[in-house]
Structure formats: structure tokens, C-alpha cells
Amino acid sequence: MTLRKLLKIILGLLIVITVTAGLTSIDHPIILKWFLGTARVIGKPIKATVYTNGQINYDIKIFHVQKYHEGTDANYYIVYTPYTSDSTGLKVFIINKKGYSYVGRPSGTSIRDYDFIAGVLFQSDVGELFTTFQNDMKGYDFDPKLTINNRQIKLDVSPIAEELKCDSIRIEL
């Protein structure tokens, strides 16, 4: 194979990759952020049983994160609720287990910050930042009464039950 032919093949592949990424980023703008390095792949949901109002809920997905975007250690769960609207900002919320345990809402919740594509969750660097539910300015100004035991997480979400369509959430890991 000649050098000229090899260069044509490499150029053709680069064009195909660029066009594919561009077309995909129209519906999923987080893909472009991922290519640029400002978003990352969280992965597939972990095996967890989620109960809402005491009943098993198969729609809510749980993801475990062990590292922050910049590489430092983390220990939090992302709760993905596909039936809430993007406008409420509750499609995704975070349960942090490291240090002071709390429930928080991300700073960014649009599809530029979180997107679920082909069973895989993507998170932007802005989506990684979050505010506790207790915060009266950016949060919801209530205590979710978070309890974390060995393999179980419980929280009361009754003040925001209308958006989440449930009063309580229990996660068995």
C-alpha cells in the first residue's frame, strides 16, 4: 500500500467519524462535549432494586460513580428518573455517600449535562456539580431524611412528590 493511498484512507475515516459525531450531536449534544473532553461516560446502571411508595419501580435507574471528572475519589449514586420532565430539573439527582452524606440536585440538568444514550449515561463536568436538597436558594429547602445502611438507601421526597410521582424512595444495592 502506498503512502498516498494510506493518507486517503485515514482522511476518509476522519471525515466519516466527524460527520457521524456531528449528526449524533444534533439529538444528543453531550456527545460533542464527550469528544471535547468536558463530558464523560458514567456507564450502564448498576443492579439495584428501587422502591417508590413501597412498590418496586423498574423505571428508575441507579448509577454508581467512584471518581470525579478530574480524577479524585468519589462515592455517589446518580438516580435517573425518566418519567419526570426536563424542566423540573429532577430527571437526575445525586445521593452522595462520601463524607457528609446528602441528596443533591445537579447544577445542570439539560441533555447537554446528562443524557441516557443506548443504555449508557453520559455526564458533563457541569452536571457533576450539585446542591443539597436542604439548600434554601438553589435546592428545595427540605430535609429528605436520608438514611444509608449497609446495602440500603432511604429518603423521603414528599415535598417534591408531584414532580417525582412518589413520596419515598428506597434503594437496595
Protein backbone atom coordinates (compact mmCIF):
# COMPACT_ATOMS: atom_id res chain seq x y z
CA MET A 1 0.00 0.00 0.00
CA THR A 2 1.36 3.35 -0.98
CA LEU A 3 1.61 6.32 1.33
CA ARG A 4 -0.85 8.28 -0.78
CA LYS A 5 -3.48 5.53 -0.52
CA LEU A 6 -2.96 5.26 3.24
CA LEU A 7 -3.42 9.02 3.67
CA LYS A 8 -6.68 8.86 1.66
CA ILE A 9 -7.99 6.06 3.89
CA ILE A 10 -7.09 7.95 7.09
CA LEU A 11 -8.64 11.17 5.75
CA GLY A 12 -11.80 9.27 4.74
CA LEU A 13 -12.08 7.72 8.21
CA LEU A 14 -11.64 11.13 9.87
CA ILE A 15 -14.39 12.60 7.69
CA VAL A 16 -16.76 9.71 8.47
CA ILE A 17 -16.08 10.00 12.23
CA THR A 18 -16.54 13.78 12.16
CA VAL A 19 -19.82 13.60 10.22
CA THR A 20 -21.15 10.80 12.45
CA ALA A 21 -20.28 12.73 15.62
CA GLY A 22 -21.81 15.91 14.19
CA LEU A 23 -25.07 14.23 13.21
CA THR A 24 -25.32 12.41 16.54
CA SER A 25 -24.71 15.62 18.49
CA ILE A 26 -27.81 17.22 16.96
CA ASP A 27 -30.08 14.98 19.07
CA HIS A 28 -27.51 14.29 21.79
CA PRO A 29 -25.33 17.40 22.30
CA ILE A 30 -23.45 15.74 25.16
CA ILE A 31 -21.67 13.58 22.55
CA LEU A 32 -19.86 16.67 21.27
CA LYS A 33 -18.87 17.54 24.85
CA TRP A 34 -17.62 13.98 25.29
CA PHE A 35 -15.42 14.29 22.18
CA LEU A 36 -14.08 17.62 23.51
CA GLY A 37 -13.36 16.14 26.95
CA THR A 38 -15.89 18.12 29.00
CA ALA A 39 -18.21 15.13 29.48
CA ARG A 40 -17.66 11.51 30.39
CA VAL A 41 -19.33 8.15 30.21
CA ILE A 42 -20.76 7.01 33.55
CA GLY A 43 -21.81 3.68 32.12
CA LYS A 44 -24.72 1.29 32.49
CA PRO A 45 -27.00 1.16 35.54
CA ILE A 46 -25.91 -0.97 38.48
CA LYS A 47 -28.03 -3.83 39.75
CA ALA A 48 -30.27 -2.23 42.33
CA THR A 49 -33.89 -2.65 43.33
CA VAL A 50 -35.71 0.67 43.63
CA TYR A 51 -38.92 1.02 45.62
CA THR A 52 -41.14 4.08 45.34
CA ASN A 53 -44.01 4.32 47.82
CA GLY A 54 -43.21 0.75 48.88
CA GLN A 55 -43.62 -0.71 45.35
CA ILE A 56 -40.84 -1.87 43.02
CA ASN A 57 -40.17 0.73 40.33
CA TYR A 58 -38.38 -0.62 37.26
CA ASP A 59 -38.20 2.78 35.52
CA ILE A 60 -35.69 4.42 37.88
CA LYS A 61 -32.05 3.61 37.12
CA ILE A 62 -29.15 3.86 39.57
CA PHE A 63 -25.54 4.57 38.57
CA HIS A 64 -22.51 4.46 40.87
CA VAL A 65 -19.66 6.95 40.44
CA GLN A 66 -16.26 6.31 42.03
CA LYS A 67 -14.25 9.19 40.52
CA TYR A 68 -14.95 12.85 39.88
CA HIS A 69 -14.32 14.29 36.42
CA GLU A 70 -10.82 15.45 37.34
CA GLY A 71 -9.91 12.02 38.77
CA THR A 72 -10.21 12.40 42.55
CA ASP A 73 -12.07 9.75 44.57
CA ALA A 74 -15.85 9.99 44.81
CA ASN A 75 -18.62 7.77 46.14
CA TYR A 76 -22.05 8.82 44.96
CA TYR A 77 -25.08 7.42 43.18
CA ILE A 78 -26.91 9.06 40.32
CA VAL A 79 -30.65 8.42 40.36
CA TYR A 80 -32.14 8.71 36.86
CA THR A 81 -35.92 9.14 36.68
CA PRO A 82 -37.02 9.05 33.03
CA TYR A 83 -40.67 9.94 33.63
CA THR A 84 -40.07 13.42 35.06
CA SER A 85 -39.81 16.38 32.72
CA ASP A 86 -36.50 18.06 31.91
CA SER A 87 -37.92 21.41 33.04
CA THR A 88 -38.25 20.33 36.70
CA GLY A 89 -34.56 19.54 36.98
CA LEU A 90 -35.39 16.28 38.72
CA LYS A 91 -34.68 13.87 35.89
CA VAL A 92 -31.40 13.26 37.72
CA PHE A 93 -30.42 13.68 41.35
CA ILE A 94 -27.44 12.55 43.35
CA ILE A 95 -27.01 10.66 46.61
CA ASN A 96 -23.52 11.33 47.96
CA LYS A 97 -22.10 8.76 50.39
CA LYS A 98 -18.60 10.20 50.81
CA GLY A 99 -18.01 12.22 53.97
CA TYR A 100 -21.17 14.10 54.83
CA SER A 101 -23.96 12.07 53.17
CA TYR A 102 -26.60 14.13 51.38
CA VAL A 103 -29.03 14.23 48.48
CA GLY A 104 -28.46 16.90 45.84
CA ARG A 105 -29.65 18.25 42.54
CA PRO A 106 -27.14 18.89 39.76
CA SER A 107 -26.27 22.41 38.68
CA GLY A 108 -27.03 21.46 35.08
CA THR A 109 -29.79 19.02 34.15
CA SER A 110 -30.34 19.53 30.42
CA ILE A 111 -29.35 16.97 27.78
CA ARG A 112 -26.11 18.93 27.49
CA ASP A 113 -25.29 17.81 31.05
CA TYR A 114 -26.93 14.38 31.34
CA ASP A 115 -28.09 12.07 28.59
CA PHE A 116 -29.04 8.42 28.51
CA ILE A 117 -27.94 7.03 25.13
CA ALA A 118 -28.26 3.35 24.18
CA GLY A 119 -28.44 2.31 27.83
CA VAL A 120 -25.37 4.34 28.81
CA LEU A 121 -25.41 7.51 30.93
CA PHE A 122 -23.23 10.48 29.97
CA GLN A 123 -22.42 13.29 32.43
CA SER A 124 -20.86 16.68 31.71
CA ASP A 125 -18.42 18.44 34.01
CA VAL A 126 -21.17 20.96 34.89
CA GLY A 127 -23.64 18.13 35.62
CA GLU A 128 -21.19 16.80 38.19
CA LEU A 129 -21.67 19.87 40.41
CA PHE A 130 -24.67 19.69 42.73
CA THR A 131 -26.51 21.48 45.53
CA THR A 132 -28.13 19.76 48.51
CA PHE A 133 -31.90 19.48 48.73
CA GLN A 134 -31.67 21.35 52.09
CA ASN A 135 -30.27 24.48 50.44
CA ASP A 136 -32.99 27.16 50.54
CA MET A 137 -31.72 29.11 47.50
CA LYS A 138 -30.71 26.55 44.87
CA GLY A 139 -32.10 23.37 46.43
CA TYR A 140 -35.64 22.53 47.53
CA ASP A 141 -35.34 23.73 51.15
CA PHE A 142 -36.28 20.45 52.85
CA ASP A 143 -34.53 17.58 54.60
CA PRO A 144 -35.05 14.29 52.73
CA LYS A 145 -34.22 12.34 55.91
CA LEU A 146 -31.54 10.37 54.11
CA THR A 147 -30.52 7.11 55.77
CA ILE A 148 -27.78 4.93 54.37
CA ASN A 149 -27.28 1.47 55.80
CA ASN A 150 -25.03 -1.32 54.62
CA ARG A 151 -26.89 -2.15 51.40
CA GLN A 152 -29.89 0.17 51.57
CA ILE A 153 -30.61 3.86 50.97
CA LYS A 154 -33.86 5.52 52.05
CA LEU A 155 -35.12 9.06 51.54
CA ASP A 156 -38.34 10.99 51.92
CA VAL A 157 -39.24 13.13 48.92
CA SER A 158 -42.80 14.06 49.86
CA PRO A 159 -42.26 17.86 49.40
CA ILE A 160 -41.44 17.23 45.73
CA ALA A 161 -43.73 14.21 45.27
CA GLU A 162 -45.65 15.84 42.44
CA GLU A 163 -42.54 16.04 40.23
CA LEU A 164 -41.14 12.63 41.21
CA LYS A 165 -44.55 10.92 41.32
CA CYS A 166 -43.72 9.32 44.69
CA ASP A 167 -43.37 10.21 48.40
CA SER A 168 -40.46 7.97 49.33
CA ILE A 169 -37.60 6.13 47.64
CA ARG A 170 -35.79 3.07 48.93
CA ILE A 171 -32.83 1.63 47.06
CA GLU A 172 -31.47 -1.84 47.77
CA LEU A 173 -27.96 -2.28 46.43
